[in-house]
Amino acid sequence: MAKQIYHQIIGPMVEAMDKEDPEQARLFAMHIFGLSTSMLADTLPTESFERFVTTTRDTVVALLKKERGELRN
């Protein structure tokens, strides 16, 4: 269900906003990220949440660096 919400609503909204006002698109995406993070935090013990966020951050940053050719050899 979350995937459908992203692909059918949030993703298209960010893409449309980005064409008109990239800064507003980034702001919107950050708000969605913050709200989602807050909801997840409410469902997990603090230690589990911290571990999940740290692991997710590290994974996403590594993927971005690889995709963007920013990895150091």
N, C-alpha and C. Protein backbone atom coordinates (compact mmCIF):
# COMPACT_ATOMS: atom_id res chain seq x y z
N MET A 1 0.82 -1.19 0.00
CA MET A 1 0.00 0.00 0.00
C MET A 1 0.86 1.26 0.00
N ALA A 2 1.91 1.27 0.80
CA ALA A 2 2.80 2.44 0.85
C ALA A 2 3.44 2.69 -0.51
N LYS A 3 3.81 1.61 -1.18
CA LYS A 3 4.43 1.73 -2.50
C LYS A 3 3.45 2.37 -3.49
N GLN A 4 2.19 1.97 -3.42
CA GLN A 4 1.17 2.54 -4.30
C GLN A 4 0.96 4.02 -4.01
N ILE A 5 0.93 4.39 -2.74
CA ILE A 5 0.76 5.79 -2.37
C ILE A 5 1.91 6.62 -2.92
N TYR A 6 3.11 6.08 -2.80
CA TYR A 6 4.27 6.80 -3.32
C TYR A 6 4.20 6.93 -4.84
N HIS A 7 3.99 5.80 -5.52
CA HIS A 7 4.03 5.81 -6.98
C HIS A 7 2.85 6.54 -7.61
N GLN A 8 1.70 6.51 -6.97
CA GLN A 8 0.51 7.12 -7.57
C GLN A 8 0.25 8.55 -7.12
N ILE A 9 0.74 8.91 -5.93
CA ILE A 9 0.42 10.24 -5.40
C ILE A 9 1.67 11.08 -5.15
N ILE A 10 2.52 10.64 -4.25
CA ILE A 10 3.65 11.46 -3.81
C ILE A 10 4.68 11.68 -4.92
N GLY A 11 5.10 10.61 -5.58
CA GLY A 11 6.08 10.73 -6.65
C GLY A 11 5.64 11.69 -7.75
N PRO A 12 4.45 11.49 -8.30
CA PRO A 12 3.97 12.42 -9.33
C PRO A 12 3.84 13.87 -8.85
N MET A 13 3.46 14.04 -7.59
CA MET A 13 3.35 15.40 -7.05
C MET A 13 4.72 16.06 -7.01
N VAL A 14 5.73 15.34 -6.54
CA VAL A 14 7.08 15.90 -6.47
C VAL A 14 7.59 16.22 -7.87
N GLU A 15 7.36 15.32 -8.82
CA GLU A 15 7.80 15.56 -10.20
C GLU A 15 7.13 16.80 -10.79
N ALA A 16 5.83 16.94 -10.58
CA ALA A 16 5.11 18.11 -11.11
C ALA A 16 5.58 19.39 -10.43
N MET A 17 5.76 19.34 -9.11
CA MET A 17 6.23 20.51 -8.38
C MET A 17 7.64 20.89 -8.81
N ASP A 18 8.47 19.89 -9.09
CA ASP A 18 9.86 20.15 -9.47
C ASP A 18 9.95 20.94 -10.77
N LYS A 19 9.01 20.71 -11.66
CA LYS A 19 9.00 21.44 -12.94
C LYS A 19 8.65 22.92 -12.73
N GLU A 20 7.81 23.19 -11.74
CA GLU A 20 7.36 24.56 -11.47
C GLU A 20 8.27 25.30 -10.50
N ASP A 21 8.66 24.60 -9.43
CA ASP A 21 9.44 25.23 -8.37
C ASP A 21 10.26 24.15 -7.64
N PRO A 22 11.48 23.90 -8.09
CA PRO A 22 12.30 22.85 -7.49
C PRO A 22 12.48 22.98 -5.97
N GLU A 23 12.58 24.19 -5.49
CA GLU A 23 12.75 24.39 -4.04
C GLU A 23 11.52 23.91 -3.28
N GLN A 24 10.35 24.21 -3.79
CA GLN A 24 9.11 23.75 -3.15
C GLN A 24 8.99 22.23 -3.22
N ALA A 25 9.45 21.64 -4.32
CA ALA A 25 9.43 20.19 -4.45
C ALA A 25 10.33 19.55 -3.39
N ARG A 26 11.52 20.13 -3.19
CA ARG A 26 12.43 19.62 -2.15
C ARG A 26 11.82 19.76 -0.76
N LEU A 27 11.21 20.90 -0.51
CA LEU A 27 10.58 21.15 0.78
C LEU A 27 9.45 20.14 1.04
N PHE A 28 8.63 19.91 0.03
CA PHE A 28 7.55 18.95 0.14
C PHE A 28 8.10 17.56 0.44
N ALA A 29 9.13 17.15 -0.31
CA ALA A 29 9.74 15.83 -0.10
C ALA A 29 10.32 15.72 1.31
N MET A 30 10.94 16.79 1.79
CA MET A 30 11.49 16.77 3.16
C MET A 30 10.39 16.63 4.19
N HIS A 31 9.26 17.27 3.97
CA HIS A 31 8.14 17.16 4.90
C HIS A 31 7.57 15.74 4.90
N ILE A 32 7.44 15.15 3.73
CA ILE A 32 6.97 13.76 3.64
C ILE A 32 7.94 12.84 4.38
N PHE A 33 9.23 13.06 4.17
CA PHE A 33 10.26 12.27 4.85
C PHE A 33 10.13 12.42 6.37
N GLY A 34 10.00 13.66 6.83
CA GLY A 34 9.89 13.91 8.26
C GLY A 34 8.66 13.28 8.88
N LEU A 35 7.53 13.41 8.20
CA LEU A 35 6.29 12.82 8.72
C LEU A 35 6.39 11.30 8.76
N SER A 36 6.94 10.71 7.72
CA SER A 36 7.10 9.25 7.68
C SER A 36 8.04 8.77 8.78
N THR A 37 9.13 9.51 8.97
CA THR A 37 10.09 9.16 10.01
C THR A 37 9.46 9.24 11.39
N SER A 38 8.67 10.26 11.62
CA SER A 38 7.99 10.42 12.91
C SER A 38 7.01 9.29 13.16
N MET A 39 6.28 8.91 12.13
CA MET A 39 5.33 7.80 12.29
C MET A 39 6.06 6.51 12.62
N LEU A 40 7.16 6.26 11.93
CA LEU A 40 7.94 5.05 12.21
C LEU A 40 8.48 5.09 13.63
N ALA A 41 8.97 6.23 14.06
CA ALA A 41 9.52 6.37 15.42
C ALA A 41 8.48 6.01 16.48
N ASP A 42 7.23 6.31 16.19
CA ASP A 42 6.15 6.01 17.14
C ASP A 42 5.89 4.51 17.27
N THR A 43 6.40 3.71 16.33
CA THR A 43 6.10 2.28 16.34
C THR A 43 7.25 1.42 16.85
N LEU A 44 8.40 2.03 17.10
CA LEU A 44 9.58 1.25 17.48
C LEU A 44 10.19 1.76 18.79
N PRO A 45 10.83 0.86 19.54
CA PRO A 45 11.62 1.32 20.67
C PRO A 45 12.75 2.23 20.14
N THR A 46 13.21 3.15 20.94
CA THR A 46 14.21 4.12 20.51
C THR A 46 15.45 3.46 19.93
N GLU A 47 15.97 2.44 20.59
CA GLU A 47 17.19 1.77 20.12
C GLU A 47 16.98 1.14 18.74
N SER A 48 15.85 0.49 18.55
CA SER A 48 15.54 -0.13 17.25
C SER A 48 15.38 0.93 16.18
N PHE A 49 14.72 2.02 16.51
CA PHE A 49 14.54 3.11 15.56
C PHE A 49 15.90 3.69 15.16
N GLU A 50 16.76 3.92 16.13
CA GLU A 50 18.08 4.48 15.84
C GLU A 50 18.87 3.55 14.92
N ARG A 51 18.84 2.26 15.21
CA ARG A 51 19.55 1.28 14.39
C ARG A 51 18.99 1.26 12.97
N PHE A 52 17.67 1.28 12.84
CA PHE A 52 17.04 1.27 11.52
C PHE A 52 17.41 2.52 10.72
N VAL A 53 17.32 3.68 11.35
CA VAL A 53 17.62 4.94 10.65
C VAL A 53 19.08 5.00 10.23
N THR A 54 19.97 4.57 11.10
CA THR A 54 21.40 4.59 10.78
C THR A 54 21.72 3.65 9.63
N THR A 55 21.19 2.44 9.67
CA THR A 55 21.42 1.47 8.61
C THR A 55 20.84 1.96 7.29
N THR A 56 19.63 2.49 7.35
CA THR A 56 18.98 2.99 6.14
C THR A 56 19.76 4.16 5.55
N ARG A 57 20.17 5.09 6.40
CA ARG A 57 20.95 6.25 5.93
C ARG A 57 22.23 5.79 5.24
N ASP A 58 22.96 4.90 5.88
CA ASP A 58 24.22 4.43 5.32
C ASP A 58 24.01 3.74 3.97
N THR A 59 22.97 2.93 3.87
CA THR A 59 22.67 2.22 2.63
C THR A 59 22.29 3.18 1.52
N VAL A 60 21.41 4.12 1.81
CA VAL A 60 20.95 5.08 0.80
C VAL A 60 22.10 5.96 0.33
N VAL A 61 22.92 6.45 1.24
CA VAL A 61 24.05 7.30 0.87
C VAL A 61 25.04 6.52 -0.01
N ALA A 62 25.29 5.27 0.33
CA ALA A 62 26.21 4.45 -0.48
C ALA A 62 25.65 4.25 -1.88
N LEU A 63 24.34 3.99 -1.99
CA LEU A 63 23.72 3.82 -3.31
C LEU A 63 23.77 5.11 -4.12
N LEU A 64 23.50 6.23 -3.47
CA LEU A 64 23.57 7.51 -4.17
C LEU A 64 24.98 7.80 -4.68
N LYS A 65 25.97 7.56 -3.84
CA LYS A 65 27.36 7.79 -4.25
C LYS A 65 27.73 6.90 -5.44
N LYS A 66 27.27 5.66 -5.42
CA LYS A 66 27.55 4.75 -6.53
C LYS A 66 26.87 5.25 -7.81
N GLU A 67 25.59 5.58 -7.71
CA GLU A 67 24.83 6.05 -8.87
C GLU A 67 25.38 7.35 -9.43
N ARG A 68 25.91 8.20 -8.56
CA ARG A 68 26.39 9.52 -8.97
C ARG A 68 27.88 9.55 -9.27
N GLY A 69 28.51 8.38 -9.20
CA GLY A 69 29.94 8.29 -9.51
C GLY A 69 30.80 9.01 -8.48
N GLU A 70 30.38 9.02 -7.23
CA GLU A 70 31.11 9.76 -6.20
C GLU A 70 31.91 8.84 -5.27
N LEU A 71 32.01 7.57 -5.60
CA LEU A 71 32.75 6.65 -4.74
C LEU A 71 34.24 6.84 -4.95
N ARG A 72 34.96 6.79 -3.87
CA ARG A 72 36.43 6.90 -3.94
C ARG A 72 37.01 5.50 -3.98
N ASN A 73 37.97 5.30 -4.85
CA ASN A 73 38.59 3.97 -4.97
C ASN A 73 39.81 3.85 -4.13
